[in-house]
Amino acid sequence: MTHPDSRQGAERFRGRVISHGDGPVSAGNLANIITVIRILIAPIVLWLMVLDAGELGLWRFVAAGLFILAISTDGIDGAIARRRNLITNSGILLDPVADKALTGAAFIGLAWLAELPWWVVIVVLGREVLITVFRMIMIPKRVIPASRGGKAKTLSQAVALGSWLTPLWVYWGDWVSVVNDWLMGLAVVLTVVTGVDYLIRGLLPQKDASGASSR
């Protein structure tokens, strides 16, 4: 006898995978597959960084290449889901997880190798945990729309981490390290500022169409 839960689980993977349409969408559609691959790459990036052990050799460049490749697909899965009408609840939940997994792995790896202060990792990852918990608490009450600042934060982290992971200073000189420091500083500032902005927008009274505030 088939368990009801197993039947429901199987149903989630029935439907459209690639084709455009209005019918049921499989949880295993192309957009979600790309998102899951990004999540799976995160621990590989961290493992390669640890394997390199700060020697700035082949494994470090492979880690950097994988990170840049994975983080650059951030908008691809979402674009595919929208254009082909493949949006699913699982995809909505997994997409931000993929971003945080990739950047989190890179931050932790750099701190583990003593190339980045741990306080930076604590500030960045602490912000992500705080905002995630806050969002979960606020969801039953109201939806807080994402801001352009949030997208700028994600982009700044991607650029800074991609630059830090690729040890070009070994070949091009110390000026690359100076640029890296500025990029990381900008990423940290945007991370903190956008986090505070999100909390403020979530706690302030929400205005309705007439301009009146409401909770």
Protein backbone atom coordinates (compact mmCIF):
# COMPACT_ATOMS: atom_id res chain seq x y z
CA MET A 1 0.00 0.00 0.00
CA THR A 2 1.39 3.40 -1.00
CA HIS A 3 1.66 5.94 1.80
CA PRO A 4 -0.33 9.17 1.15
CA ASP A 5 2.75 11.32 1.85
CA SER A 6 4.80 9.46 -0.76
CA ARG A 7 2.04 9.99 -3.33
CA GLN A 8 1.93 13.70 -2.56
CA GLY A 9 5.72 13.88 -2.85
CA ALA A 10 5.61 12.19 -6.25
CA GLU A 11 2.90 14.60 -7.42
CA ARG A 12 5.23 17.54 -6.79
CA PHE A 13 7.56 16.23 -9.49
CA ARG A 14 4.85 15.76 -12.11
CA GLY A 15 4.27 18.51 -14.63
CA ARG A 16 6.24 20.79 -16.89
CA VAL A 17 10.04 20.75 -16.59
CA ILE A 18 11.13 23.03 -19.43
CA SER A 19 8.17 23.81 -21.68
CA HIS A 20 6.15 27.01 -21.36
CA GLY A 21 2.47 26.75 -20.51
CA ASP A 22 -0.22 27.08 -17.89
CA GLY A 23 -0.37 23.48 -16.70
CA PRO A 24 1.12 21.95 -13.54
CA VAL A 25 4.81 22.67 -12.94
CA SER A 26 7.23 20.03 -11.67
CA ALA A 27 9.29 20.88 -8.59
CA GLY A 28 12.15 19.41 -10.59
CA ASN A 29 11.88 21.97 -13.37
CA LEU A 30 14.90 23.49 -15.10
CA ALA A 31 14.96 26.67 -13.00
CA ASN A 32 14.91 24.71 -9.73
CA ILE A 33 17.60 22.33 -11.00
CA ILE A 34 19.92 25.30 -11.64
CA THR A 35 19.18 26.62 -8.15
CA VAL A 36 19.92 23.25 -6.53
CA ILE A 37 23.19 22.98 -8.46
CA ARG A 38 24.22 26.38 -7.06
CA ILE A 39 23.52 25.11 -3.55
CA LEU A 40 25.55 21.95 -4.14
CA ILE A 41 28.50 23.96 -5.45
CA ALA A 42 28.77 25.91 -2.18
CA PRO A 43 30.36 23.12 -0.06
CA ILE A 44 32.62 22.21 -3.00
CA VAL A 45 33.96 25.78 -3.09
CA LEU A 46 34.65 25.65 0.65
CA TRP A 47 36.30 22.22 0.38
CA LEU A 48 38.57 23.36 -2.46
CA MET A 49 39.64 26.41 -0.46
CA VAL A 50 40.53 24.26 2.54
CA LEU A 51 42.30 21.79 0.24
CA ASP A 52 44.42 24.60 -1.21
CA ALA A 53 45.39 25.56 2.37
CA GLY A 54 46.38 29.10 1.43
CA GLU A 55 48.94 28.07 -1.18
CA LEU A 56 47.06 30.07 -3.85
CA GLY A 57 47.52 27.27 -6.34
CA LEU A 58 45.32 25.33 -8.74
CA TRP A 59 42.60 24.41 -6.24
CA ARG A 60 42.17 28.07 -5.25
CA PHE A 61 41.61 29.07 -8.87
CA VAL A 62 39.18 26.19 -9.35
CA ALA A 63 37.28 27.32 -6.25
CA ALA A 64 37.19 30.89 -7.56
CA GLY A 65 36.01 29.75 -10.98
CA LEU A 66 33.22 27.62 -9.55
CA PHE A 67 32.09 30.43 -7.26
CA ILE A 68 32.02 33.00 -10.07
CA LEU A 69 30.21 30.59 -12.38
CA ALA A 70 27.60 29.68 -9.76
CA ILE A 71 26.98 33.20 -8.48
CA SER A 72 26.69 34.54 -12.04
CA THR A 73 23.71 32.22 -12.64
CA ASP A 74 21.80 33.99 -9.86
CA GLY A 75 19.41 35.71 -12.24
CA ILE A 76 19.27 32.93 -14.83
CA ASP A 77 17.08 30.53 -12.85
CA GLY A 78 14.66 33.30 -11.94
CA ALA A 79 14.49 34.53 -15.53
CA ILE A 80 13.77 31.02 -16.81
CA ALA A 81 11.07 30.52 -14.18
CA ARG A 82 9.34 33.79 -15.11
CA ARG A 83 9.61 33.50 -18.87
CA ARG A 84 8.47 29.88 -19.01
CA ASN A 85 5.97 30.15 -16.15
CA LEU A 86 7.89 27.62 -14.05
CA ILE A 87 7.55 29.42 -10.72
CA THR A 88 7.06 27.08 -7.75
CA ASN A 89 7.00 27.51 -3.98
CA SER A 90 10.11 25.36 -3.68
CA GLY A 91 11.93 27.59 -6.16
CA ILE A 92 10.93 30.73 -4.26
CA LEU A 93 12.33 29.22 -1.05
CA LEU A 94 15.50 27.76 -2.56
CA ASP A 95 16.70 30.78 -4.56
CA PRO A 96 17.76 32.95 -1.58
CA VAL A 97 19.17 29.84 0.11
CA ALA A 98 21.48 29.31 -2.87
CA ASP A 99 22.80 32.87 -2.68
CA LYS A 100 23.44 32.67 1.05
CA ALA A 101 25.04 29.22 0.77
CA LEU A 102 27.50 30.38 -1.89
CA THR A 103 28.49 33.65 -0.24
CA GLY A 104 28.52 32.04 3.20
CA ALA A 105 30.88 29.28 2.05
CA ALA A 106 33.23 31.83 0.50
CA PHE A 107 33.21 34.09 3.57
CA ILE A 108 33.87 31.18 5.94
CA GLY A 109 36.62 29.81 3.70
CA LEU A 110 38.45 33.14 3.55
CA ALA A 111 38.23 33.56 7.32
CA TRP A 112 39.34 29.95 7.87
CA LEU A 113 42.45 30.71 5.80
CA ALA A 114 43.02 33.87 7.88
CA GLU A 115 42.68 36.07 4.80
CA LEU A 116 39.56 37.79 6.11
CA PRO A 117 38.81 38.81 9.73
CA TRP A 118 36.21 36.63 11.44
CA TRP A 119 34.31 39.73 12.55
CA VAL A 120 33.44 40.40 8.91
CA VAL A 121 31.97 36.90 8.60
CA ILE A 122 30.04 37.32 11.85
CA VAL A 123 28.60 40.68 10.75
CA VAL A 124 27.58 39.45 7.28
CA LEU A 125 26.19 36.05 8.25
CA GLY A 126 24.65 37.45 11.42
CA ARG A 127 22.78 39.99 9.31
CA GLU A 128 21.49 37.26 6.99
CA VAL A 129 20.27 35.11 9.90
CA LEU A 130 18.62 38.08 11.61
CA ILE A 131 16.80 39.23 8.47
CA THR A 132 15.70 35.67 7.64
CA VAL A 133 14.23 35.16 11.12
CA PHE A 134 12.61 38.61 11.04
CA ARG A 135 11.08 37.89 7.62
CA MET A 136 9.62 34.59 8.88
CA ILE A 137 8.08 36.39 11.86
CA MET A 138 6.60 39.14 9.69
CA ILE A 139 5.24 36.94 6.87
CA PRO A 140 1.89 36.23 8.63
CA LYS A 141 1.43 39.97 9.19
CA ARG A 142 2.73 41.61 6.02
CA VAL A 143 5.06 41.19 3.05
CA ILE A 144 8.10 43.46 3.04
CA PRO A 145 9.14 44.02 -0.59
CA ALA A 146 12.78 43.70 -1.53
CA SER A 147 14.61 46.95 -2.15
CA ARG A 148 17.17 47.92 -4.75
CA GLY A 149 19.64 48.16 -1.90
CA GLY A 150 19.23 44.44 -1.25
CA LYS A 151 20.13 43.65 -4.83
CA ALA A 152 23.12 46.01 -4.62
CA LYS A 153 24.21 44.22 -1.45
CA THR A 154 24.12 40.83 -3.14
CA LEU A 155 26.01 42.16 -6.16
CA SER A 156 28.66 43.86 -4.02
CA GLN A 157 29.23 40.65 -2.04
CA ALA A 158 29.51 38.61 -5.25
CA VAL A 159 32.05 41.01 -6.78
CA ALA A 160 34.10 41.34 -3.58
CA LEU A 161 34.20 37.58 -2.94
CA GLY A 162 35.00 36.77 -6.56
CA SER A 163 37.90 39.21 -6.41
CA TRP A 164 39.17 37.93 -3.05
CA LEU A 165 38.93 34.30 -4.13
CA THR A 166 40.97 34.92 -7.30
CA PRO A 167 44.57 35.58 -6.10
CA LEU A 168 45.51 37.99 -8.87
CA TRP A 169 47.64 40.03 -6.48
CA VAL A 170 50.25 37.29 -6.77
CA TYR A 171 50.72 38.21 -10.44
CA TRP A 172 49.62 41.84 -10.68
CA GLY A 173 50.92 43.32 -7.44
CA ASP A 174 49.69 44.71 -4.13
CA TRP A 175 47.34 47.24 -5.74
CA VAL A 176 44.92 44.35 -6.32
CA SER A 177 44.79 43.77 -2.56
CA VAL A 178 43.96 47.45 -2.02
CA VAL A 179 41.09 47.20 -4.50
CA ASN A 180 39.91 44.00 -2.77
CA ASP A 181 39.86 45.77 0.59
CA TRP A 182 37.71 48.59 -0.82
CA LEU A 183 35.34 46.13 -2.49
CA MET A 184 34.93 44.15 0.72
CA GLY A 185 34.46 47.33 2.73
CA LEU A 186 31.68 48.43 0.39
CA ALA A 187 30.04 44.99 0.63
CA VAL A 188 30.09 45.06 4.44
CA VAL A 189 28.68 48.61 4.59
CA LEU A 190 25.87 47.75 2.17
CA THR A 191 25.15 44.55 4.10
CA VAL A 192 24.71 46.45 7.37
CA VAL A 193 22.84 49.44 5.89
CA THR A 194 20.37 47.33 3.90
CA GLY A 195 19.79 45.12 6.93
CA VAL A 196 18.93 48.11 9.12
CA ASP A 197 16.74 49.54 6.33
CA TYR A 198 14.83 46.25 6.05
CA LEU A 199 14.19 46.15 9.81
CA ILE A 200 12.99 49.76 9.83
CA ARG A 201 10.65 49.21 6.87
CA GLY A 202 9.30 46.11 8.58
CA LEU A 203 8.66 47.81 11.90
CA LEU A 204 7.20 51.09 10.63
CA PRO A 205 3.41 51.29 10.11
CA GLN A 206 2.39 50.19 6.64
CA LYS A 207 0.59 52.77 4.51
CA ASP A 208 -2.45 51.79 2.45
CA ALA A 209 -3.40 53.15 -0.95
CA SER A 210 -4.97 56.27 0.60
CA GLY A 211 -1.78 57.09 2.46
CA ALA A 212 -3.14 56.16 5.89
CA SER A 213 -0.87 54.07 8.06
CA SER A 214 -1.93 50.62 9.21
CA ARG A 215 -0.43 47.61 10.98
